[in-house]
Structures are given as structure tokens and as C-alpha cells.
């Protein structure tokens, strides 16, 4: 199977069977999504979703969050991984949005990555989810799944994987393909024990044909 055929198979499967894939983070607006994505770094969406309601109740918008102190915010996110850094990032992010962006959450990757706690992956998530921009956020799931299937070849970094995926996925499908790959990695193509026996992508998967089937 050529790479072009592999991409066609994978995208066709997801488009047919998972047409409405979306983030599992719970949010109502760009501000809430940005807070949730910052908190989700090296933390499960489930844990983030358990934590954010109290944050949004006390700080319903970026203006109110910009006035938070460390001691006020920290207790609300102490159960999240790296709570010290994330508390500082959230307060710093809110202040920069107020001071540099007139209180509006930025809508481009170059602007978003200026915010504390926001790297390229987070910026790609925000722009693809909120604005359906053709940006591919490569987290550990996307990196692993795309390499195993054979959508990427010898990608050593998330940026290299992102560039290969963007090159081969139709522009109008990039924003949802991010969710397809994440969810597949979260529930089927697990890191330690991938569920190859029930994976519908086996016909196109390099990992399956080279390692599993061969054994």
C-alpha cells in the first residue's frame, strides 16, 4: 500500500465512522478551552474536566482570572499535574490577554504562543477547535498513532510529524483529523498494549503488518 493509499484508507474510515469527532475537554467559549488545554498538559482530560467547573465558577472570564492571586487559584488546581507552574501560567496568560490583546483570546498560532503556558501544540488545538483552522496539534497520541500506521516516516519531533501530516491530509480535514488520531490513540492504539485485534485500520497499518501479523 502506498502512503497516498494509506492516507485515503484511514481518512475514509474515520470520515465514515467517526464524522463528528471533537475534543473531550468540556468548555463553553475560547477562554474556557484555553484554560482547559493549558491544564491538560501531561494530564488526562477526565481530570481536567473534574477541575475546571470550580475555576470557571470563580473566574468566569479572562478579566476575573487576571485578578486572581496564586494563593487563590492554586487550591482549585492542586489535583492537576504541575499545579505550581500551571497556576502561574494561567494568571500570566490572563494578564497578557488583557494587556496585549484587549481582553480577546488570540486566534492565530503566532499570537497564542506568546502567552504563558501556551506552546505550539496548545495553539494548534485552540485554532483548530475554535476556528477550524488547518492546524495539526501533535500530542503523544497523534505522534504514536501516525508513526505506527505509517502516516509519518522517521519523524523525530512533533513538528516533523505535524509537517508530514499537514502535507498529506486535505486542508479541510486537518482540524478534525487531529481528533480522529487522538481518540484512536486514546482508546485503540494504546501505547503499551495496542488493541490491534479490534482495530479497523489494520489493513492500512504498517505496525500491524510488520510486527503483529508477522509474529
Protein backbone atom coordinates (compact mmCIF):
# COMPACT_ATOMS: atom_id res chain seq x y z
CA UNK A 1 0.00 0.00 0.00
CA UNK A 2 1.41 3.39 -0.94
CA UNK A 3 1.40 6.27 1.50
CA UNK A 4 -1.27 8.01 -0.56
CA UNK A 5 -3.46 4.89 -0.40
CA UNK A 6 -2.80 4.58 3.33
CA UNK A 7 -3.94 8.14 3.99
CA UNK A 8 -7.01 7.62 1.81
CA UNK A 9 -7.98 4.45 3.70
CA UNK A 10 -7.52 5.97 7.15
CA UNK A 11 -9.31 9.23 6.38
CA UNK A 12 -12.17 7.45 4.64
CA UNK A 13 -12.67 5.15 7.62
CA UNK A 14 -12.77 7.98 10.13
CA UNK A 15 -14.94 10.20 7.95
CA UNK A 16 -17.45 7.37 7.56
CA UNK A 17 -17.49 6.03 11.10
CA UNK A 18 -16.45 8.97 13.30
CA UNK A 19 -17.71 12.01 11.37
CA UNK A 20 -18.24 14.24 14.41
CA UNK A 21 -15.07 13.71 16.42
CA UNK A 22 -14.29 16.55 18.82
CA UNK A 23 -12.24 17.33 21.90
CA UNK A 24 -13.28 15.61 25.12
CA UNK A 25 -12.48 18.73 27.11
CA UNK A 26 -15.64 20.46 28.32
CA UNK A 27 -15.83 24.17 27.53
CA UNK A 28 -18.30 26.87 26.50
CA UNK A 29 -16.08 29.50 24.89
CA UNK A 30 -12.48 30.15 23.75
CA UNK A 31 -11.42 31.37 27.19
CA UNK A 32 -12.59 28.16 28.85
CA UNK A 33 -10.97 25.99 26.18
CA UNK A 34 -7.66 27.81 26.56
CA UNK A 35 -7.70 27.29 30.33
CA UNK A 36 -8.58 23.62 29.88
CA UNK A 37 -5.88 22.98 27.28
CA UNK A 38 -3.21 24.65 29.41
CA UNK A 39 -4.25 22.43 32.32
CA UNK A 40 -4.34 19.31 30.14
CA UNK A 41 -0.59 19.20 29.52
CA UNK A 42 0.57 15.82 30.83
CA UNK A 43 -2.80 15.34 32.48
CA UNK A 44 -5.93 13.47 31.43
CA UNK A 45 -8.95 15.26 30.00
CA UNK A 46 -11.06 13.47 32.60
CA UNK A 47 -9.12 15.04 35.45
CA UNK A 48 -9.20 18.46 33.78
CA UNK A 49 -12.98 18.24 33.35
CA UNK A 50 -13.32 17.46 37.06
CA UNK A 51 -11.28 20.54 37.91
CA UNK A 52 -12.42 23.30 35.58
CA UNK A 53 -16.02 23.82 36.84
CA UNK A 54 -14.79 25.32 40.11
CA UNK A 55 -12.32 27.51 38.24
CA UNK A 56 -14.94 28.82 35.82
CA UNK A 57 -17.39 29.44 38.64
CA UNK A 58 -14.92 31.64 40.49
CA UNK A 59 -13.30 33.10 37.36
CA UNK A 60 -15.97 33.16 34.63
CA UNK A 61 -13.90 35.19 32.19
CA UNK A 62 -10.34 36.22 31.44
CA UNK A 63 -10.83 39.57 33.18
CA UNK A 64 -11.66 37.96 36.52
CA UNK A 65 -8.83 35.43 36.13
CA UNK A 66 -6.37 38.27 35.55
CA UNK A 67 -7.10 39.50 39.08
CA UNK A 68 -6.53 36.11 40.71
CA UNK A 69 -3.64 35.59 43.09
CA UNK A 70 -1.54 32.46 43.25
CA UNK A 71 -2.89 31.57 46.69
CA UNK A 72 -6.49 31.93 45.48
CA UNK A 73 -6.12 29.89 42.29
CA UNK A 74 -3.71 27.17 43.38
CA UNK A 75 -6.16 25.27 45.65
CA UNK A 76 -8.53 24.88 42.70
CA UNK A 77 -5.96 23.08 40.55
CA UNK A 78 -3.77 21.33 43.12
CA UNK A 79 -5.01 17.94 41.84
CA UNK A 80 -3.71 18.68 38.34
CA UNK A 81 -0.17 17.73 37.31
CA UNK A 82 2.40 20.53 37.81
CA UNK A 83 -0.06 22.78 39.69
CA UNK A 84 2.55 25.39 40.64
CA UNK A 85 3.60 26.12 37.08
CA UNK A 86 0.08 25.93 35.72
CA UNK A 87 -1.25 28.34 38.33
CA UNK A 88 1.41 30.85 37.31
CA UNK A 89 0.75 30.21 33.61
CA UNK A 90 -2.99 30.79 33.92
CA UNK A 91 -2.58 34.07 35.77
CA UNK A 92 0.14 35.21 33.39
CA UNK A 93 -1.94 34.21 30.37
CA UNK A 94 -4.95 36.14 31.61
CA UNK A 95 -2.92 39.26 32.27
CA UNK A 96 -1.28 39.16 28.85
CA UNK A 97 -4.65 38.68 27.12
CA UNK A 98 -5.96 41.75 28.95
CA UNK A 99 -2.85 43.89 28.44
CA UNK A 100 -1.77 42.87 24.93
CA UNK A 101 -4.90 41.57 23.22
CA UNK A 102 -7.65 43.85 24.55
CA UNK A 103 -9.19 41.00 26.54
CA UNK A 104 -9.79 38.83 23.46
CA UNK A 105 -8.32 35.33 23.19
CA UNK A 106 -5.94 35.44 20.20
CA UNK A 107 -6.98 33.48 17.12
CA UNK A 108 -3.62 32.79 15.44
CA UNK A 109 -0.79 30.45 16.37
CA UNK A 110 1.93 33.17 16.39
CA UNK A 111 -0.12 35.25 18.81
CA UNK A 112 -1.17 32.38 21.04
CA UNK A 113 2.36 31.03 21.57
CA UNK A 114 3.29 34.35 23.16
CA UNK A 115 1.02 33.52 26.11
CA UNK A 116 2.47 31.85 29.22
CA UNK A 117 1.81 28.13 29.23
CA UNK A 118 0.94 28.03 25.54
CA UNK A 119 3.21 26.09 23.19
CA UNK A 120 2.70 25.22 19.57
CA UNK A 121 0.55 22.18 20.37
CA UNK A 122 -1.82 24.20 22.56
CA UNK A 123 -2.03 26.98 19.98
CA UNK A 124 -2.84 24.45 17.27
CA UNK A 125 -5.60 22.97 19.44
CA UNK A 126 -7.21 26.36 20.06
CA UNK A 127 -7.10 27.49 16.44
CA UNK A 128 -8.29 24.18 15.02
CA UNK A 129 -11.09 23.61 17.54
CA UNK A 130 -12.43 27.15 17.82
CA UNK A 131 -11.74 28.43 14.31
CA UNK A 132 -11.42 25.22 12.28
CA UNK A 133 -8.06 26.40 11.01
CA UNK A 134 -6.00 23.71 9.23
CA UNK A 135 -3.58 23.27 12.13
CA UNK A 136 -2.47 19.88 13.45
CA UNK A 137 -1.77 19.57 17.17
CA UNK A 138 0.65 16.69 17.69
CA UNK A 139 0.46 15.25 21.18
CA UNK A 140 1.82 11.87 22.28
CA UNK A 141 -1.23 10.07 20.86
CA UNK A 142 -1.01 11.69 17.42
CA UNK A 143 2.76 11.20 17.30
CA UNK A 144 2.50 7.50 18.18
CA UNK A 145 -0.52 6.62 16.05
CA UNK A 146 0.65 8.39 12.92
CA UNK A 147 4.06 6.70 13.16
CA UNK A 148 2.63 3.23 13.79
CA UNK A 149 0.14 3.39 10.96
CA UNK A 150 2.74 4.79 8.61
CA UNK A 151 1.23 8.21 8.06
CA UNK A 152 4.57 9.69 9.12
CA UNK A 153 8.03 8.37 8.28
CA UNK A 154 11.06 8.82 10.54
CA UNK A 155 9.53 11.88 12.23
CA UNK A 156 11.79 12.60 15.20
CA UNK A 157 9.87 15.51 16.67
CA UNK A 158 6.22 16.60 16.96
CA UNK A 159 6.94 19.41 14.49
CA UNK A 160 8.25 16.97 11.89
CA UNK A 161 5.17 14.80 12.37
CA UNK A 162 2.94 17.86 12.10
CA UNK A 163 4.58 18.91 8.83
CA UNK A 164 4.18 15.46 7.28
CA UNK A 165 0.53 15.17 8.33
CA UNK A 166 -0.33 18.66 7.07
CA UNK A 167 1.29 17.85 3.74
CA UNK A 168 -0.80 14.72 3.18
CA UNK A 169 -4.19 15.49 4.74
CA UNK A 170 -6.62 17.63 2.71
CA UNK A 171 -6.71 21.13 4.18
CA UNK A 172 -10.42 21.00 5.01
CA UNK A 173 -9.94 17.79 7.05
CA UNK A 174 -6.90 18.75 9.11
CA UNK A 175 -8.80 20.20 12.08
CA UNK A 176 -10.91 17.07 12.58
CA UNK A 177 -8.11 14.62 11.70
CA UNK A 178 -6.38 15.83 14.86
CA UNK A 179 -9.30 14.49 16.91
CA UNK A 180 -9.52 11.26 14.92
CA UNK A 181 -5.90 10.40 15.67
CA UNK A 182 -6.07 11.43 19.32
CA UNK A 183 -9.18 9.38 20.04
CA UNK A 184 -7.77 6.38 18.17
CA UNK A 185 -4.64 6.57 20.30
CA UNK A 186 -6.59 7.05 23.49
CA UNK A 187 -8.93 4.08 23.05
CA UNK A 188 -7.49 1.65 20.46
CA UNK A 189 -3.84 2.26 19.60
CA UNK A 190 -2.67 2.33 23.22
CA UNK A 191 0.97 2.99 23.99
CA UNK A 192 1.80 -0.26 25.78
CA UNK A 193 -0.85 -2.69 24.63
CA UNK A 194 -2.46 -1.58 21.36
CA UNK A 195 -5.76 -3.30 20.66
CA UNK A 196 -4.75 -4.47 17.20
CA UNK A 197 -7.26 -7.33 17.26
CA UNK A 198 -10.17 -4.89 17.19
CA UNK A 199 -8.56 -2.10 15.18
CA UNK A 200 -10.40 -1.26 11.95
CA UNK A 201 -7.27 0.30 10.49
CA UNK A 202 -5.34 -2.98 10.32
CA UNK A 203 -5.45 -3.22 6.51
CA UNK A 204 -3.51 0.05 6.28
CA UNK A 205 -1.32 -0.21 9.38
CA UNK A 206 2.42 -0.76 8.99
CA UNK A 207 2.83 -1.67 12.65
CA UNK A 208 0.23 -4.43 12.38
CA UNK A 209 1.65 -5.96 9.20
CA UNK A 210 5.30 -5.70 10.18
CA UNK A 211 5.16 -6.74 13.85
CA UNK A 212 1.83 -8.21 14.90
CA UNK A 213 0.80 -10.18 11.85
CA UNK A 214 4.35 -11.31 11.17
CA UNK A 215 4.66 -12.84 14.63
